[in-house]
C-alpha atoms as a PDB file:
ATOM      1  CA  MET A   1    -100.062   9.502 -35.945  1.00  0.00           C
ATOM      2  CA  ASP A   2     -98.464   7.850 -32.912  1.00  0.00           C
ATOM      3  CA  LYS A   3     -99.662   8.339 -29.346  1.00  0.00           C
ATOM      4  CA  ILE A   4     -97.228  11.130 -28.495  1.00  0.00           C
ATOM      5  CA  GLU A   5     -98.169  13.012 -31.669  1.00  0.00           C
ATOM      6  CA  LYS A   6    -101.812  12.691 -30.639  1.00  0.00           C
ATOM      7  CA  LEU A   7    -100.941  14.046 -27.174  1.00  0.00           C
ATOM      8  CA  ILE A   8     -99.182  17.013 -28.771  1.00  0.00           C
ATOM      9  CA  GLU A   9    -102.258  17.743 -30.886  1.00  0.00           C
ATOM     10  CA  ILE A  10    -104.469  17.635 -27.767  1.00  0.00           C
ATOM     11  CA  ILE A  11    -102.117  20.072 -25.999  1.00  0.00           C
ATOM     12  CA  LYS A  12    -102.112  22.409 -29.009  1.00  0.00           C
ATOM     13  CA  GLU A  13    -105.911  22.531 -28.992  1.00  0.00           C
ATOM     14  CA  SER A  14    -106.375  23.109 -25.260  1.00  0.00           C
ATOM     15  CA  ASP A  15    -105.798  25.992 -22.852  1.00  0.00           C
ATOM     16  CA  ASN A  16    -107.210  24.251 -19.769  1.00  0.00           C
ATOM     17  CA  ILE A  17    -104.771  21.476 -18.854  1.00  0.00           C
ATOM     18  CA  VAL A  18    -103.964  20.074 -15.411  1.00  0.00           C
ATOM     19  CA  PHE A  19    -100.955  17.841 -14.743  1.00  0.00           C
ATOM     20  CA  PHE A  20    -101.123  15.270 -11.937  1.00  0.00           C
ATOM     21  CA  GLY A  21     -97.696  13.801 -11.207  1.00  0.00           C
ATOM     22  CA  GLY A  22     -95.919  11.324  -8.981  1.00  0.00           C
ATOM     23  CA  ALA A  23     -92.468   9.982  -8.210  1.00  0.00           C
ATOM     24  CA  GLY A  24     -91.754   9.110 -11.848  1.00  0.00           C
ATOM     25  CA  VAL A  25     -91.460  12.820 -12.628  1.00  0.00           C
ATOM     26  CA  SER A  26     -88.472  13.163 -10.296  1.00  0.00           C
ATOM     27  CA  THR A  27     -86.778   9.848 -11.042  1.00  0.00           C
ATOM     28  CA  GLU A  28     -85.818  11.498 -14.335  1.00  0.00           C
ATOM     29  CA  SER A  29     -83.630  13.780 -12.182  1.00  0.00           C
ATOM     30  CA  GLY A  30     -81.958  10.818 -10.496  1.00  0.00           C
ATOM     31  CA  LEU A  31     -84.086  10.587  -7.365  1.00  0.00           C
ATOM     32  CA  LYS A  32     -85.280   7.153  -6.317  1.00  0.00           C
ATOM     33  CA  ASP A  33     -88.975   6.417  -6.215  1.00  0.00           C
ATOM     34  CA  PHE A  34     -90.623   4.359  -3.500  1.00  0.00           C
ATOM     35  CA  ARG A  35     -92.383   1.355  -4.957  1.00  0.00           C
ATOM     36  CA  SER A  36     -90.424   0.167  -7.994  1.00  0.00           C
ATOM     37  CA  LYS A  37     -88.037  -2.779  -7.739  1.00  0.00           C
ATOM     38  CA  ASP A  38     -85.170  -0.331  -7.205  1.00  0.00           C
ATOM     39  CA  GLY A  39     -87.184   2.011  -4.971  1.00  0.00           C
ATOM     40  CA  LEU A  40     -86.688   2.929  -1.340  1.00  0.00           C
ATOM     41  CA  TYR A  41     -89.298   0.461  -0.098  1.00  0.00           C
ATOM     42  CA  ASN A  42     -87.280  -2.442  -1.473  1.00  0.00           C
ATOM     43  CA  GLU A  43     -84.061  -1.434   0.246  1.00  0.00           C
ATOM     44  CA  LYS A  44     -83.097  -2.966   3.595  1.00  0.00           C
ATOM     45  CA  TYR A  45     -83.024  -0.807   6.697  1.00  0.00           C
ATOM     46  CA  LYS A  46     -83.122  -1.293  10.455  1.00  0.00           C
ATOM     47  CA  TYR A  47     -86.807  -0.356  10.203  1.00  0.00           C
ATOM     48  CA  PRO A  48     -89.111  -0.547   7.148  1.00  0.00           C
ATOM     49  CA  PRO A  49     -89.219   2.824   5.347  1.00  0.00           C
ATOM     50  CA  GLU A  50     -93.025   2.882   5.617  1.00  0.00           C
ATOM     51  CA  GLU A  51     -92.641   2.708   9.395  1.00  0.00           C
ATOM     52  CA  ILE A  52     -89.877   5.313   9.528  1.00  0.00           C
ATOM     53  CA  LEU A  53     -91.968   7.776   7.488  1.00  0.00           C
ATOM     54  CA  SER A  54     -94.912   7.608   9.890  1.00  0.00           C
ATOM     55  CA  HIS A  55     -96.090  10.138  12.452  1.00  0.00           C
ATOM     56  CA  THR A  56     -95.766   7.608  15.274  1.00  0.00           C
ATOM     57  CA  PHE A  57     -92.157   6.809  14.371  1.00  0.00           C
ATOM     58  CA  PHE A  58     -91.288  10.491  14.062  1.00  0.00           C
ATOM     59  CA  MET A  59     -92.646  11.188  17.528  1.00  0.00           C
ATOM     60  CA  ASN A  60     -91.164   8.099  19.219  1.00  0.00           C
ATOM     61  CA  ASN A  61     -87.876   7.658  17.304  1.00  0.00           C
ATOM     62  CA  THR A  62     -87.071  11.171  16.146  1.00  0.00           C
ATOM     63  CA  LEU A  63     -83.315  10.660  15.898  1.00  0.00           C
ATOM     64  CA  GLU A  64     -83.685   7.497  13.781  1.00  0.00           C
ATOM     65  CA  PHE A  65     -86.236   9.323  11.604  1.00  0.00           C
ATOM     66  CA  TYR A  66     -83.742  12.085  10.875  1.00  0.00           C
ATOM     67  CA  LYS A  67     -80.924   9.668  10.109  1.00  0.00           C
ATOM     68  CA  PHE A  68     -83.078   8.137   7.363  1.00  0.00           C
ATOM     69  CA  TYR A  69     -84.553  11.473   6.267  1.00  0.00           C
ATOM     70  CA  ARG A  70     -81.181  13.160   5.785  1.00  0.00           C
ATOM     71  CA  ASP A  71     -79.761  10.113   4.019  1.00  0.00           C
ATOM     72  CA  LYS A  72     -82.637   9.319   1.663  1.00  0.00           C
ATOM     73  CA  MET A  73     -84.959  12.317   1.343  1.00  0.00           C
ATOM     74  CA  ASN A  74     -82.505  15.111   0.522  1.00  0.00           C
ATOM     75  CA  PRO A  75     -83.061  16.254  -3.098  1.00  0.00           C
ATOM     76  CA  ASN A  76     -80.536  19.093  -3.065  1.00  0.00           C
ATOM     77  CA  SER A  77     -77.819  17.333  -5.057  1.00  0.00           C
ATOM     78  CA  PHE A  78     -80.341  16.870  -7.882  1.00  0.00           C
ATOM     79  CA  ARG A  79     -82.046  19.328 -10.212  1.00  0.00           C
ATOM     80  CA  PRO A  80     -85.342  19.667 -12.100  1.00  0.00           C
ATOM     81  CA  ASN A  81     -85.481  17.878 -15.439  1.00  0.00           C
ATOM     82  CA  ILE A  82     -87.102  18.373 -18.823  1.00  0.00           C
ATOM     83  CA  VAL A  83     -90.504  17.308 -17.484  1.00  0.00           C
ATOM     84  CA  HIS A  84     -90.496  20.088 -14.875  1.00  0.00           C
ATOM     85  CA  TYR A  85     -89.221  22.711 -17.311  1.00  0.00           C
ATOM     86  CA  THR A  86     -91.634  21.783 -20.111  1.00  0.00           C
ATOM     87  CA  LEU A  87     -94.539  22.017 -17.671  1.00  0.00           C
ATOM     88  CA  THR A  88     -93.310  25.498 -16.754  1.00  0.00           C
ATOM     89  CA  ASP A  89     -93.277  26.394 -20.465  1.00  0.00           C
ATOM     90  CA  LEU A  90     -96.854  25.118 -20.821  1.00  0.00           C
ATOM     91  CA  GLU A  91     -97.890  27.238 -17.850  1.00  0.00           C
ATOM     92  CA  LYS A  92     -96.174  30.340 -19.217  1.00  0.00           C
ATOM     93  CA  CYS A  93     -97.993  30.082 -22.537  1.00  0.00           C
ATOM     94  CA  GLY A  94    -101.343  29.773 -20.786  1.00  0.00           C
ATOM     95  CA  LYS A  95    -102.135  26.142 -21.486  1.00  0.00           C
ATOM     96  CA  LEU A  96    -101.374  24.564 -18.099  1.00  0.00           C
ATOM     97  CA  LYS A  97    -103.573  25.782 -15.240  1.00  0.00           C
ATOM     98  CA  ALA A  98    -102.130  23.722 -12.373  1.00  0.00           C
ATOM     99  CA  ILE A  99     -99.590  21.103 -11.387  1.00  0.00           C
ATOM    100  CA  ILE A 100    -100.779  18.722  -8.688  1.00  0.00           C
ATOM    101  CA  THR A 101     -97.868  16.716  -7.347  1.00  0.00           C
ATOM    102  CA  GLN A 102     -97.396  13.916  -4.859  1.00  0.00           C
ATOM    103  CA  ASN A 103     -93.661  14.706  -4.703  1.00  0.00           C
ATOM    104  CA  ILE A 104     -92.030  16.549  -1.816  1.00  0.00           C
ATOM    105  CA  ASP A 105     -88.767  17.604  -3.519  1.00  0.00           C
ATOM    106  CA  GLY A 106     -89.937  21.087  -4.567  1.00  0.00           C
ATOM    107  CA  PHE A 107     -88.602  20.669  -8.116  1.00  0.00           C
ATOM    108  CA  HIS A 108     -91.680  22.181  -9.767  1.00  0.00           C
ATOM    109  CA  THR A 109     -91.194  25.451  -7.901  1.00  0.00           C
ATOM    110  CA  ASP A 110     -87.436  25.249  -8.522  1.00  0.00           C
ATOM    111  CA  ALA A 111     -88.304  25.114 -12.245  1.00  0.00           C
ATOM    112  CA  LEU A 112     -90.335  28.318 -11.711  1.00  0.00           C
ATOM    113  CA  SER A 113     -93.807  26.862 -12.093  1.00  0.00           C
ATOM    114  CA  ARG A 114     -96.213  29.059 -10.160  1.00  0.00           C
ATOM    115  CA  ASN A 115     -99.456  27.106  -9.828  1.00  0.00           C
ATOM    116  CA  VAL A 116     -98.178  24.079  -7.907  1.00  0.00           C
ATOM    117  CA  LEU A 117    -100.250  22.123  -5.389  1.00  0.00           C
ATOM    118  CA  GLU A 118     -98.028  19.896  -3.237  1.00  0.00           C
ATOM    119  CA  LEU A 119    -100.369  17.243  -1.864  1.00  0.00           C
ATOM    120  CA  HIS A 120     -97.767  15.734   0.444  1.00  0.00           C
ATOM    121  CA  GLY A 121     -95.984  18.953   1.362  1.00  0.00           C
ATOM    122  CA  THR A 122     -92.346  19.752   0.637  1.00  0.00           C
ATOM    123  CA  VAL A 123     -88.924  19.307   2.222  1.00  0.00           C
ATOM    124  CA  LYS A 124     -88.277  22.978   1.436  1.00  0.00           C
ATOM    125  CA  ARG A 125     -90.503  24.117   4.319  1.00  0.00           C
ATOM    126  CA  ASN A 126     -89.978  23.173   7.960  1.00  0.00           C
ATOM    127  CA  HIS A 127     -91.469  24.459  11.179  1.00  0.00           C
ATOM    128  CA  CYS A 128     -90.819  24.424  14.916  1.00  0.00           C
ATOM    129  CA  MET A 129     -93.366  22.222  16.660  1.00  0.00           C
ATOM    130  CA  LYS A 130     -93.193  24.470  19.730  1.00  0.00           C
ATOM    131  CA  CYS A 131     -93.315  28.079  18.489  1.00  0.00           C
ATOM    132  CA  GLY A 132     -94.241  27.598  14.827  1.00  0.00           C
ATOM    133  CA  LYS A 133     -91.228  29.429  13.389  1.00  0.00           C
ATOM    134  CA  PHE A 134     -90.482  28.456   9.778  1.00  0.00           C
ATOM    135  CA  TYR A 135     -87.124  27.295   8.460  1.00  0.00           C
ATOM    136  CA  ASP A 136     -85.790  26.316   5.059  1.00  0.00           C
ATOM    137  CA  ASP A 137     -84.400  22.834   4.494  1.00  0.00           C
ATOM    138  CA  SER A 138     -80.764  23.722   5.188  1.00  0.00           C
ATOM    139  CA  ILE A 139     -81.254  23.564   8.949  1.00  0.00           C
ATOM    140  CA  VAL A 140     -82.570  20.002   8.631  1.00  0.00           C
ATOM    141  CA  PHE A 141     -80.184  18.570   6.068  1.00  0.00           C
ATOM    142  CA  ASN A 142     -77.127  20.230   7.659  1.00  0.00           C
ATOM    143  CA  SER A 143     -77.955  19.140  11.204  1.00  0.00           C
ATOM    144  CA  LYS A 144     -76.124  16.237  12.823  1.00  0.00           C
ATOM    145  CA  ASP A 145     -78.825  15.077  15.198  1.00  0.00           C
ATOM    146  CA  ILE A 146     -82.370  16.326  15.798  1.00  0.00           C
ATOM    147  CA  PRO A 147     -82.747  19.865  14.366  1.00  0.00           C
ATOM    148  CA  LYS A 148     -83.843  22.313  17.033  1.00  0.00           C
ATOM    149  CA  CYS A 149     -85.327  25.794  16.927  1.00  0.00           C
ATOM    150  CA  SER A 150     -83.825  28.728  18.808  1.00  0.00           C
ATOM    151  CA  CYS A 151     -86.659  28.247  21.302  1.00  0.00           C
ATOM    152  CA  GLY A 152     -85.603  24.648  21.893  1.00  0.00           C
ATOM    153  CA  GLY A 153     -88.486  23.045  20.016  1.00  0.00           C
ATOM    154  CA  ILE A 154     -88.041  20.220  17.504  1.00  0.00           C
ATOM    155  CA  ILE A 155     -88.130  21.278  13.852  1.00  0.00           C
ATOM    156  CA  LYS A 156     -90.399  19.110  11.706  1.00  0.00           C
ATOM    157  CA  PRO A 157     -90.484  18.979   7.892  1.00  0.00           C
ATOM    158  CA  ASP A 158     -93.719  20.155   6.311  1.00  0.00           C
ATOM    159  CA  VAL A 159     -94.247  16.803   4.646  1.00  0.00           C
ATOM    160  CA  VAL A 160     -97.266  14.570   5.131  1.00  0.00           C
ATOM    161  CA  LEU A 161     -96.173  11.447   6.983  1.00  0.00           C
ATOM    162  CA  TYR A 162     -98.156   8.224   7.164  1.00  0.00           C
ATOM    163  CA  GLU A 163    -101.018   8.586   9.682  1.00  0.00           C
ATOM    164  CA  GLU A 164    -101.245  12.321   8.917  1.00  0.00           C
ATOM    165  CA  GLY A 165    -103.989  13.933   6.846  1.00  0.00           C
ATOM    166  CA  LEU A 166    -103.572  16.055   3.746  1.00  0.00           C
ATOM    167  CA  ASP A 167    -104.021  19.797   4.022  1.00  0.00           C
ATOM    168  CA  ASP A 168    -107.725  20.568   3.555  1.00  0.00           C
ATOM    169  CA  GLU A 169    -107.158  23.711   1.482  1.00  0.00           C
ATOM    170  CA  VAL A 170    -104.706  21.964  -0.852  1.00  0.00           C
ATOM    171  CA  VAL A 171    -107.159  19.081  -1.311  1.00  0.00           C
ATOM    172  CA  LYS A 172    -110.032  21.464  -2.029  1.00  0.00           C
ATOM    173  CA  ASP A 173    -107.973  23.370  -4.581  1.00  0.00           C
ATOM    174  CA  ALA A 174    -106.728  20.173  -6.257  1.00  0.00           C
ATOM    175  CA  VAL A 175    -110.240  18.748  -6.600  1.00  0.00           C
ATOM    176  CA  GLU A 176    -111.483  22.059  -8.018  1.00  0.00           C
ATOM    177  CA  LYS A 177    -108.665  22.248 -10.578  1.00  0.00           C
ATOM    178  CA  ILE A 178    -109.211  18.648 -11.714  1.00  0.00           C
ATOM    179  CA  SER A 179    -112.995  19.077 -11.855  1.00  0.00           C
ATOM    180  CA  ASN A 180    -112.708  22.139 -14.088  1.00  0.00           C
ATOM    181  CA  ALA A 181    -109.956  20.841 -16.396  1.00  0.00           C
ATOM    182  CA  ASP A 182    -110.554  20.061 -20.040  1.00  0.00           C
ATOM    183  CA  VAL A 183    -107.419  17.878 -20.220  1.00  0.00           C
ATOM    184  CA  LEU A 184    -105.884  15.884 -17.365  1.00  0.00           C
ATOM    185  CA  ILE A 185    -102.377  14.509 -17.915  1.00  0.00           C
ATOM    186  CA  VAL A 186    -101.375  11.941 -15.301  1.00  0.00           C
ATOM    187  CA  GLY A 187     -97.659  11.207 -15.326  1.00  0.00           C
ATOM    188  CA  GLY A 188     -95.169   9.134 -13.384  1.00  0.00           C
ATOM    189  CA  THR A 189     -97.534   7.760 -10.768  1.00  0.00           C
ATOM    190  CA  SER A 190     -98.729   4.259  -9.993  1.00  0.00           C
ATOM    191  CA  LEU A 191    -102.061   5.684  -8.792  1.00  0.00           C
ATOM    192  CA  VAL A 192    -102.054   3.422  -5.741  1.00  0.00           C
ATOM    193  CA  VAL A 193    -101.365   6.051  -3.049  1.00  0.00           C
ATOM    194  CA  TYR A 194    -104.619   7.191  -1.465  1.00  0.00           C
ATOM    195  CA  PRO A 195    -106.312   9.537  -0.991  1.00  0.00           C
ATOM    196  CA  ALA A 196    -104.298  11.344  -3.680  1.00  0.00           C
ATOM    197  CA  ALA A 197    -105.035   8.792  -6.417  1.00  0.00           C
ATOM    198  CA  SER A 198    -108.764   9.063  -5.773  1.00  0.00           C
ATOM    199  CA  PHE A 199    -108.747  12.678  -7.008  1.00  0.00           C
ATOM    200  CA  ILE A 200    -108.721  11.444 -10.611  1.00  0.00           C
ATOM    201  CA  GLN A 201    -112.368  10.438 -10.215  1.00  0.00           C
ATOM    202  CA  PHE A 202    -113.327  14.124 -10.123  1.00  0.00           C
ATOM    203  CA  PHE A 203    -112.180  14.656 -13.708  1.00  0.00           C
ATOM    204  CA  LYS A 204    -115.127  15.251 -16.026  1.00  0.00           C
ATOM    205  CA  GLY A 205    -113.271  16.809 -18.954  1.00  0.00           C
ATOM    206  CA  ARG A 206    -112.618  15.653 -22.503  1.00  0.00           C
ATOM    207  CA  HIS A 207    -109.178  14.016 -22.453  1.00  0.00           C
ATOM    208  CA  LEU A 208    -107.635  11.806 -19.766  1.00  0.00           C
ATOM    209  CA  ILE A 209    -104.032  10.923 -20.608  1.00  0.00           C
ATOM    210  CA  ILE A 210    -101.901   8.549 -18.520  1.00  0.00           C
ATOM    211  CA  ILE A 211     -98.137   8.423 -19.059  1.00  0.00           C
ATOM    212  CA  ASN A 212     -96.428   5.742 -16.977  1.00  0.00           C
ATOM    213  CA  LYS A 213     -93.965   2.954 -17.700  1.00  0.00           C
ATOM    214  CA  ASP A 214     -95.951   0.456 -15.594  1.00  0.00           C
ATOM    215  CA  ILE A 215     -99.655  -0.326 -15.530  1.00  0.00           C
ATOM    216  CA  THR A 216    -102.003   1.633 -13.261  1.00  0.00           C
ATOM    217  CA  PRO A 217    -105.493   0.791 -11.946  1.00  0.00           C
ATOM    218  CA  LEU A 218    -107.005   3.517 -14.150  1.00  0.00           C
ATOM    219  CA  ASP A 219    -105.410   2.585 -17.468  1.00  0.00           C
ATOM    220  CA  LYS A 220    -108.725   1.467 -18.969  1.00  0.00           C
ATOM    221  CA  GLN A 221    -110.292   4.851 -18.228  1.00  0.00           C
ATOM    222  CA  ALA A 222    -107.671   6.757 -20.188  1.00  0.00           C
ATOM    223  CA  GLU A 223    -108.413   8.032 -23.662  1.00  0.00           C
ATOM    224  CA  LEU A 224    -104.682   7.938 -24.311  1.00  0.00           C
ATOM    225  CA  LEU A 225    -102.316   5.541 -22.520  1.00  0.00           C
ATOM    226  CA  ILE A 226     -98.588   6.037 -23.097  1.00  0.00           C
ATOM    227  CA  ASN A 227     -96.322   3.401 -21.509  1.00  0.00           C
ATOM    228  CA  ASP A 228     -93.132   5.290 -22.124  1.00  0.00           C
ATOM    229  CA  ASN A 229     -90.369   7.220 -20.400  1.00  0.00           C
ATOM    230  CA  LEU A 230     -91.662  10.598 -19.207  1.00  0.00           C
ATOM    231  CA  ALA A 231     -88.513  12.460 -20.237  1.00  0.00           C
ATOM    232  CA  ASP A 232     -88.768  11.090 -23.782  1.00  0.00           C
ATOM    233  CA  VAL A 233     -92.418  12.107 -24.030  1.00  0.00           C
ATOM    234  CA  PHE A 234     -91.796  15.625 -22.724  1.00  0.00           C
ATOM    235  CA  LEU A 235     -88.745  16.078 -24.939  1.00  0.00           C
ATOM    236  CA  ARG A 236     -91.001  15.559 -27.935  1.00  0.00           C
ATOM    237  CA  ILE A 237     -93.580  17.957 -26.497  1.00  0.00           C
ATOM    238  CA  LYS A 238     -90.884  20.599 -25.990  1.00  0.00           C
ATOM    239  CA  GLU A 239     -89.454  20.083 -29.472  1.00  0.00           C
ATOM    240  CA  ALA A 240     -92.900  20.298 -31.076  1.00  0.00           C
ATOM    241  CA  LEU A 241     -94.216  23.310 -29.164  1.00  0.00           C
ATOM    242  CA  PHE A 242     -91.266  25.389 -27.981  1.00  0.00           C
ATOM    243  CA  THR A 243     -87.936  24.597 -29.630  1.00  0.00           C
ATOM    244  CA  SER A 244     -88.723  26.354 -32.903  1.00  0.00           C
ATOM    245  CA  ASN A 245     -89.710  29.471 -30.938  1.00  0.00           C
ATOM    246  CA  GLU A 246     -86.335  29.570 -29.223  1.00  0.00           C
ATOM    247  CA  LYS A 247     -84.301  29.614 -32.438  1.00  0.00           C
END
């Protein structure tokens, strides 16, 4: 039995699974990640991306922020992939209790997963900093300059920028879901972004599985470590658990 077969057996035997995912889930759709050699942080800009995606930069250089944001953070020409859809299938059949994601593209909800905790927010939601009115992402990605509300206030994406804290309720829910899980599948994340990566320490269940092409700081803690392409792994999960049911 290879590692993916073992993972499939674990999934078959469990109905209390939590998935914790990072940028590698969405790179399968064509989106760039941040930290790989081809990621956004290794591209050359007028300002470092880490600086641009900070609260201070947003407040002091709002126009430059939006130039970068519209150019590099718009996911709308991409679509969910087999990882997102297979997770939705696992949720529908009662095995997957929650998806905890560090991604802001909204692909898990686009794939019709219901129990999604977005640790870093989502580009799909935006709000006026003056009156609080909510907007979808079209007003931001279709704007030419700084997107403004009808009241004149600046519209800000509901994404967590550097120097900003995570939402307390989302954090509480994520920690609770991980703490109560029997199986925790960690996929497509380097586990170096804190505080999100620290949530793994709350897992007290039976099976910790890490699926990532590169090494992570928690590899030695995993019962099952799969250094493989996420899409390939989830294709085999889908074929083993769902394809025969669709015929």
